[in-house]
Amino acid sequence: MEQKAGNNTSVNWPTGIGGKGNEGVSGQVKQTPGAIGYVELIYALQNKMPYADVKNAAGQFVKPSMESVTAALGQPIFPMTSGFR
């Protein structure tokens, strides 16, 4: 049976443990060898946390930065022809 994480404000991951908010997630990652977590970029920058490049839909790896996040905000999430406005 295929498991899916789904979507919500709190995702029910099929494996692993979670933490509440940026502090909870980063705390769990720090305590778990080999762990990977997701926090906001500004939180990672402020706390001098390591982070990775992200592969976009075009297959290019983008380095997370204030500039790349700002550029992404300028792009529509859904094309205007999709019916979402």
C-alpha atoms as a PDB file:
ATOM      1  CA  MET A   1       0.000   0.000   0.000  1.00  0.00           C
ATOM      2  CA  GLU A   2       1.361   3.411  -0.956  1.00  0.00           C
ATOM      3  CA  GLN A   3       1.555   5.927   1.878  1.00  0.00           C
ATOM      4  CA  LYS A   4       1.106   9.650   1.320  1.00  0.00           C
ATOM      5  CA  ALA A   5       1.894  12.512   3.647  1.00  0.00           C
ATOM      6  CA  GLY A   6      -1.103  14.571   2.528  1.00  0.00           C
ATOM      7  CA  ASN A   7      -1.335  18.279   3.199  1.00  0.00           C
ATOM      8  CA  ASN A   8      -2.453  20.417   6.093  1.00  0.00           C
ATOM      9  CA  THR A   9      -0.950  22.888   8.539  1.00  0.00           C
ATOM     10  CA  SER A  10       0.496  19.817  10.280  1.00  0.00           C
ATOM     11  CA  VAL A  11       1.524  17.005   7.933  1.00  0.00           C
ATOM     12  CA  ASN A  12       1.147  13.380   9.044  1.00  0.00           C
ATOM     13  CA  TRP A  13       4.471  11.987   7.787  1.00  0.00           C
ATOM     14  CA  PRO A  14       4.506   8.196   7.345  1.00  0.00           C
ATOM     15  CA  THR A  15       7.747   7.858   9.334  1.00  0.00           C
ATOM     16  CA  GLY A  16      10.000   9.835  11.658  1.00  0.00           C
ATOM     17  CA  ILE A  17       9.263  12.366  14.357  1.00  0.00           C
ATOM     18  CA  GLY A  18       8.347  16.008  14.186  1.00  0.00           C
ATOM     19  CA  GLY A  19       8.664  19.158  16.183  1.00  0.00           C
ATOM     20  CA  LYS A  20       6.436  22.154  16.717  1.00  0.00           C
ATOM     21  CA  GLY A  21       7.580  25.199  14.772  1.00  0.00           C
ATOM     22  CA  ASN A  22      11.100  26.122  13.722  1.00  0.00           C
ATOM     23  CA  GLU A  23      12.528  25.677  17.225  1.00  0.00           C
ATOM     24  CA  GLY A  24      10.960  22.254  17.700  1.00  0.00           C
ATOM     25  CA  VAL A  25      12.079  20.971  14.310  1.00  0.00           C
ATOM     26  CA  SER A  26      15.634  22.307  14.659  1.00  0.00           C
ATOM     27  CA  GLY A  27      15.852  20.837  18.168  1.00  0.00           C
ATOM     28  CA  GLN A  28      14.855  17.383  16.902  1.00  0.00           C
ATOM     29  CA  VAL A  29      17.321  17.593  13.990  1.00  0.00           C
ATOM     30  CA  LYS A  30      20.177  18.583  16.301  1.00  0.00           C
ATOM     31  CA  GLN A  31      19.432  15.595  18.573  1.00  0.00           C
ATOM     32  CA  THR A  32      19.111  13.024  15.756  1.00  0.00           C
ATOM     33  CA  PRO A  33      22.259  11.966  13.865  1.00  0.00           C
ATOM     34  CA  GLY A  34      21.718  12.104  10.082  1.00  0.00           C
ATOM     35  CA  ALA A  35      18.367  13.881  10.431  1.00  0.00           C
ATOM     36  CA  ILE A  36      16.935  16.262   7.847  1.00  0.00           C
ATOM     37  CA  GLY A  37      14.350  18.895   8.689  1.00  0.00           C
ATOM     38  CA  TYR A  38      12.569  21.883   7.208  1.00  0.00           C
ATOM     39  CA  VAL A  39      12.598  25.336   8.801  1.00  0.00           C
ATOM     40  CA  GLU A  40      12.072  28.823   7.415  1.00  0.00           C
ATOM     41  CA  LEU A  41      15.102  30.277   5.624  1.00  0.00           C
ATOM     42  CA  ILE A  42      15.260  33.367   7.839  1.00  0.00           C
ATOM     43  CA  TYR A  43      15.316  31.108  10.928  1.00  0.00           C
ATOM     44  CA  ALA A  44      18.167  29.048   9.458  1.00  0.00           C
ATOM     45  CA  LEU A  45      20.129  32.197   8.588  1.00  0.00           C
ATOM     46  CA  GLN A  46      19.592  33.823  11.990  1.00  0.00           C
ATOM     47  CA  ASN A  47      20.686  30.639  13.766  1.00  0.00           C
ATOM     48  CA  LYS A  48      23.612  29.894  11.437  1.00  0.00           C
ATOM     49  CA  MET A  49      22.147  26.503  10.491  1.00  0.00           C
ATOM     50  CA  PRO A  50      23.419  24.587   7.462  1.00  0.00           C
ATOM     51  CA  TYR A  51      21.001  24.257   4.559  1.00  0.00           C
ATOM     52  CA  ALA A  52      20.936  22.750   1.076  1.00  0.00           C
ATOM     53  CA  ASP A  53      20.195  23.918  -2.451  1.00  0.00           C
ATOM     54  CA  VAL A  54      16.690  23.096  -3.694  1.00  0.00           C
ATOM     55  CA  LYS A  55      15.902  21.584  -7.092  1.00  0.00           C
ATOM     56  CA  ASN A  56      13.191  23.592  -8.851  1.00  0.00           C
ATOM     57  CA  ALA A  57      10.612  22.462 -11.420  1.00  0.00           C
ATOM     58  CA  ALA A  58      13.051  23.306 -14.253  1.00  0.00           C
ATOM     59  CA  GLY A  59      15.614  20.884 -12.790  1.00  0.00           C
ATOM     60  CA  GLN A  60      17.967  23.669 -11.688  1.00  0.00           C
ATOM     61  CA  PHE A  61      19.427  23.731  -8.178  1.00  0.00           C
ATOM     62  CA  VAL A  62      18.744  27.062  -6.468  1.00  0.00           C
ATOM     63  CA  LYS A  63      20.683  28.246  -3.423  1.00  0.00           C
ATOM     64  CA  PRO A  64      18.239  29.473  -0.775  1.00  0.00           C
ATOM     65  CA  SER A  65      18.781  33.179  -0.176  1.00  0.00           C
ATOM     66  CA  MET A  66      16.703  36.249   0.487  1.00  0.00           C
ATOM     67  CA  GLU A  67      17.124  37.094  -3.209  1.00  0.00           C
ATOM     68  CA  SER A  68      15.959  33.684  -4.476  1.00  0.00           C
ATOM     69  CA  VAL A  69      12.967  33.683  -2.107  1.00  0.00           C
ATOM     70  CA  THR A  70      12.026  37.203  -3.202  1.00  0.00           C
ATOM     71  CA  ALA A  71      12.333  36.176  -6.865  1.00  0.00           C
ATOM     72  CA  ALA A  72      10.127  33.126  -6.261  1.00  0.00           C
ATOM     73  CA  LEU A  73       7.456  35.326  -4.694  1.00  0.00           C
ATOM     74  CA  GLY A  74       7.244  37.244  -7.957  1.00  0.00           C
ATOM     75  CA  GLN A  75       6.285  34.093  -9.874  1.00  0.00           C
ATOM     76  CA  PRO A  76       2.638  32.991 -10.045  1.00  0.00           C
ATOM     77  CA  ILE A  77       1.957  29.706  -8.266  1.00  0.00           C
ATOM     78  CA  PHE A  78      -0.722  28.790 -10.795  1.00  0.00           C
ATOM     79  CA  PRO A  79      -0.682  29.996 -14.393  1.00  0.00           C
ATOM     80  CA  MET A  80      -3.492  32.459 -15.085  1.00  0.00           C
ATOM     81  CA  THR A  81      -4.919  29.943 -17.577  1.00  0.00           C
ATOM     82  CA  SER A  82      -5.381  27.307 -14.847  1.00  0.00           C
ATOM     83  CA  GLY A  83      -8.568  28.859 -13.446  1.00  0.00           C
ATOM     84  CA  PHE A  84      -6.955  29.760 -10.095  1.00  0.00           C
ATOM     85  CA  ARG A  85      -6.929  33.518  -9.485  1.00  0.00           C
END
